[in-house]
Amino acid sequence: MATLLRALWLALVVLHLVWFGVLTPAESLGRVGTALLVASPLLVMLIWMWRPGLRATVVGGMVLLIYFCLGVSEAWATSLVSVRALALVQIALITVYYGVLFRSWQQGRAARRQPE
């Protein structure tokens, strides 16, 4: 489960770097500035995601709440089909992340309940 959570996290990092760094960068910050500004919380958490345990993935889920709201607002408000598609991909990745996180929490809880 942890490997899948890390893969989803990496997919989100790549998505944001491509989305805001290549496809739709802000003109005032440029490509690199926009990509680093938007992806910096993901990149900081990326270091912590490789530690063993569930705590980092839960904290990462809290960080992803912001990105989930961003994806929903972009999908709702934009008229560009390409941006809407990227926002829907982001929403889907985060939803799968939460599903896998919930499943791994359930498995850990069931393992603690089993008598030895």
C-alpha atoms as a PDB file:
ATOM      1  CA  MET A   1       0.000   0.000   0.000  1.00  0.00           C
ATOM      2  CA  ALA A   2       2.801   2.423   0.822  1.00  0.00           C
ATOM      3  CA  THR A   3       4.303   1.914  -2.629  1.00  0.00           C
ATOM      4  CA  LEU A   4       1.007   2.808  -4.286  1.00  0.00           C
ATOM      5  CA  LEU A   5       0.666   5.917  -2.099  1.00  0.00           C
ATOM      6  CA  ARG A   6       4.184   6.996  -3.056  1.00  0.00           C
ATOM      7  CA  ALA A   7       3.468   6.374  -6.744  1.00  0.00           C
ATOM      8  CA  LEU A   8       0.314   8.486  -6.543  1.00  0.00           C
ATOM      9  CA  TRP A   9       2.269  11.233  -4.805  1.00  0.00           C
ATOM     10  CA  LEU A  10       4.940  11.181  -7.517  1.00  0.00           C
ATOM     11  CA  ALA A  11       2.224  11.301 -10.178  1.00  0.00           C
ATOM     12  CA  LEU A  12       0.804  14.417  -8.533  1.00  0.00           C
ATOM     13  CA  VAL A  13       4.239  16.058  -8.416  1.00  0.00           C
ATOM     14  CA  VAL A  14       4.786  15.340 -12.115  1.00  0.00           C
ATOM     15  CA  LEU A  15       1.271  16.527 -12.955  1.00  0.00           C
ATOM     16  CA  HIS A  16       1.823  19.852 -11.221  1.00  0.00           C
ATOM     17  CA  LEU A  17       5.256  20.395 -12.710  1.00  0.00           C
ATOM     18  CA  VAL A  18       3.898  19.767 -16.205  1.00  0.00           C
ATOM     19  CA  TRP A  19       0.630  21.628 -15.675  1.00  0.00           C
ATOM     20  CA  PHE A  20       1.996  24.807 -14.111  1.00  0.00           C
ATOM     21  CA  GLY A  21       5.542  24.683 -15.454  1.00  0.00           C
ATOM     22  CA  VAL A  22       4.948  23.771 -19.091  1.00  0.00           C
ATOM     23  CA  LEU A  23       1.300  24.013 -20.111  1.00  0.00           C
ATOM     24  CA  THR A  24      -0.076  27.029 -18.211  1.00  0.00           C
ATOM     25  CA  PRO A  25       2.677  28.981 -16.415  1.00  0.00           C
ATOM     26  CA  ALA A  26       1.928  32.372 -14.875  1.00  0.00           C
ATOM     27  CA  GLU A  27       3.489  35.123 -16.926  1.00  0.00           C
ATOM     28  CA  SER A  28       4.731  37.090 -13.912  1.00  0.00           C
ATOM     29  CA  LEU A  29       6.695  34.200 -12.379  1.00  0.00           C
ATOM     30  CA  GLY A  30       7.788  32.345 -15.488  1.00  0.00           C
ATOM     31  CA  ARG A  31       7.805  28.611 -16.014  1.00  0.00           C
ATOM     32  CA  VAL A  32      10.242  27.589 -13.294  1.00  0.00           C
ATOM     33  CA  GLY A  33       8.907  29.996 -10.670  1.00  0.00           C
ATOM     34  CA  THR A  34       5.315  28.948 -11.178  1.00  0.00           C
ATOM     35  CA  ALA A  35       6.127  25.238 -11.140  1.00  0.00           C
ATOM     36  CA  LEU A  36       8.209  25.528  -7.968  1.00  0.00           C
ATOM     37  CA  LEU A  37       5.654  27.711  -6.199  1.00  0.00           C
ATOM     38  CA  VAL A  38       2.774  25.356  -6.896  1.00  0.00           C
ATOM     39  CA  ALA A  39       4.668  22.090  -6.403  1.00  0.00           C
ATOM     40  CA  SER A  40       6.847  23.095  -3.428  1.00  0.00           C
ATOM     41  CA  PRO A  41       4.515  21.667  -0.717  1.00  0.00           C
ATOM     42  CA  LEU A  42       4.388  18.408  -2.659  1.00  0.00           C
ATOM     43  CA  LEU A  43       8.156  18.365  -3.068  1.00  0.00           C
ATOM     44  CA  VAL A  44       8.758  19.025   0.638  1.00  0.00           C
ATOM     45  CA  MET A  45       6.399  16.218   1.618  1.00  0.00           C
ATOM     46  CA  LEU A  46       8.012  13.920  -0.955  1.00  0.00           C
ATOM     47  CA  ILE A  47      11.068  13.602   1.286  1.00  0.00           C
ATOM     48  CA  TRP A  48       8.909  12.587   4.244  1.00  0.00           C
ATOM     49  CA  MET A  49       6.827  10.131   2.199  1.00  0.00           C
ATOM     50  CA  TRP A  50       9.765   7.715   1.972  1.00  0.00           C
ATOM     51  CA  ARG A  51       9.902   7.173   5.714  1.00  0.00           C
ATOM     52  CA  PRO A  52       8.269   3.985   6.948  1.00  0.00           C
ATOM     53  CA  GLY A  53       4.943   4.204   8.683  1.00  0.00           C
ATOM     54  CA  LEU A  54       1.525   5.638   8.056  1.00  0.00           C
ATOM     55  CA  ARG A  55       2.015   9.011   9.720  1.00  0.00           C
ATOM     56  CA  ALA A  56       3.675  10.701   6.727  1.00  0.00           C
ATOM     57  CA  THR A  57       0.973   9.511   4.365  1.00  0.00           C
ATOM     58  CA  VAL A  58      -1.740  10.868   6.672  1.00  0.00           C
ATOM     59  CA  VAL A  59      -0.026  14.263   6.888  1.00  0.00           C
ATOM     60  CA  GLY A  60       0.366  14.119   3.114  1.00  0.00           C
ATOM     61  CA  GLY A  61      -3.370  13.551   2.852  1.00  0.00           C
ATOM     62  CA  MET A  62      -3.933  16.735   4.827  1.00  0.00           C
ATOM     63  CA  VAL A  63      -1.707  18.626   2.403  1.00  0.00           C
ATOM     64  CA  LEU A  64      -3.632  17.137  -0.507  1.00  0.00           C
ATOM     65  CA  LEU A  65      -6.865  18.686   0.759  1.00  0.00           C
ATOM     66  CA  ILE A  66      -5.590  22.020  -0.563  1.00  0.00           C
ATOM     67  CA  TYR A  67      -4.778  20.502  -3.942  1.00  0.00           C
ATOM     68  CA  PHE A  68      -8.152  18.762  -4.053  1.00  0.00           C
ATOM     69  CA  CYS A  69      -9.877  22.118  -3.555  1.00  0.00           C
ATOM     70  CA  LEU A  70      -7.664  23.632  -6.257  1.00  0.00           C
ATOM     71  CA  GLY A  71      -8.599  20.856  -8.668  1.00  0.00           C
ATOM     72  CA  VAL A  72     -12.309  21.190  -7.975  1.00  0.00           C
ATOM     73  CA  SER A  73     -12.230  24.973  -8.417  1.00  0.00           C
ATOM     74  CA  GLU A  74     -10.206  24.705 -11.637  1.00  0.00           C
ATOM     75  CA  ALA A  75     -12.514  22.041 -13.055  1.00  0.00           C
ATOM     76  CA  TRP A  76     -15.575  24.089 -12.140  1.00  0.00           C
ATOM     77  CA  ALA A  77     -14.426  27.559 -13.185  1.00  0.00           C
ATOM     78  CA  THR A  78     -12.282  27.140 -16.268  1.00  0.00           C
ATOM     79  CA  SER A  79     -13.548  27.062 -19.800  1.00  0.00           C
ATOM     80  CA  LEU A  80     -10.365  25.537 -21.246  1.00  0.00           C
ATOM     81  CA  VAL A  81     -10.846  21.844 -21.945  1.00  0.00           C
ATOM     82  CA  SER A  82      -7.170  21.010 -21.387  1.00  0.00           C
ATOM     83  CA  VAL A  83      -7.080  22.670 -17.956  1.00  0.00           C
ATOM     84  CA  ARG A  84     -10.355  21.007 -16.988  1.00  0.00           C
ATOM     85  CA  ALA A  85      -8.942  17.617 -18.013  1.00  0.00           C
ATOM     86  CA  LEU A  86      -5.812  18.184 -15.918  1.00  0.00           C
ATOM     87  CA  ALA A  87      -7.948  19.243 -12.955  1.00  0.00           C
ATOM     88  CA  LEU A  88     -10.086  16.109 -13.282  1.00  0.00           C
ATOM     89  CA  VAL A  89      -6.942  13.960 -13.399  1.00  0.00           C
ATOM     90  CA  GLN A  90      -5.764  15.689 -10.233  1.00  0.00           C
ATOM     91  CA  ILE A  91      -9.111  15.062  -8.530  1.00  0.00           C
ATOM     92  CA  ALA A  92      -8.995  11.405  -9.563  1.00  0.00           C
ATOM     93  CA  LEU A  93      -5.421  10.901  -8.304  1.00  0.00           C
ATOM     94  CA  ILE A  94      -6.222  12.482  -4.948  1.00  0.00           C
ATOM     95  CA  THR A  95      -9.432  10.473  -4.591  1.00  0.00           C
ATOM     96  CA  VAL A  96      -7.550   7.234  -5.250  1.00  0.00           C
ATOM     97  CA  TYR A  97      -4.891   8.367  -2.753  1.00  0.00           C
ATOM     98  CA  TYR A  98      -7.545   8.808  -0.056  1.00  0.00           C
ATOM     99  CA  GLY A  99      -9.097   5.442  -0.906  1.00  0.00           C
ATOM    100  CA  VAL A 100      -5.762   3.643  -0.613  1.00  0.00           C
ATOM    101  CA  LEU A 101      -4.939   5.531   2.580  1.00  0.00           C
ATOM    102  CA  PHE A 102      -8.273   4.520   4.107  1.00  0.00           C
ATOM    103  CA  ARG A 103      -7.754   0.896   3.066  1.00  0.00           C
ATOM    104  CA  SER A 104      -4.275   0.775   4.603  1.00  0.00           C
ATOM    105  CA  TRP A 105      -5.667   2.299   7.808  1.00  0.00           C
ATOM    106  CA  GLN A 106      -8.348  -0.410   7.895  1.00  0.00           C
ATOM    107  CA  GLN A 107      -5.754  -3.153   7.422  1.00  0.00           C
ATOM    108  CA  GLY A 108      -3.589  -1.755  10.211  1.00  0.00           C
ATOM    109  CA  ARG A 109      -6.578  -1.527  12.494  1.00  0.00           C
ATOM    110  CA  ALA A 110      -7.622  -5.104  11.729  1.00  0.00           C
ATOM    111  CA  ALA A 111      -4.082  -6.341  12.365  1.00  0.00           C
ATOM    112  CA  ARG A 112      -4.047  -4.688  15.800  1.00  0.00           C
ATOM    113  CA  ARG A 113      -7.356  -6.274  16.751  1.00  0.00           C
ATOM    114  CA  GLN A 114      -6.371  -9.872  15.979  1.00  0.00           C
ATOM    115  CA  PRO A 115      -5.453 -11.819  19.102  1.00  0.00           C
ATOM    116  CA  GLU A 116      -2.032 -13.377  19.168  1.00  0.00           C
END
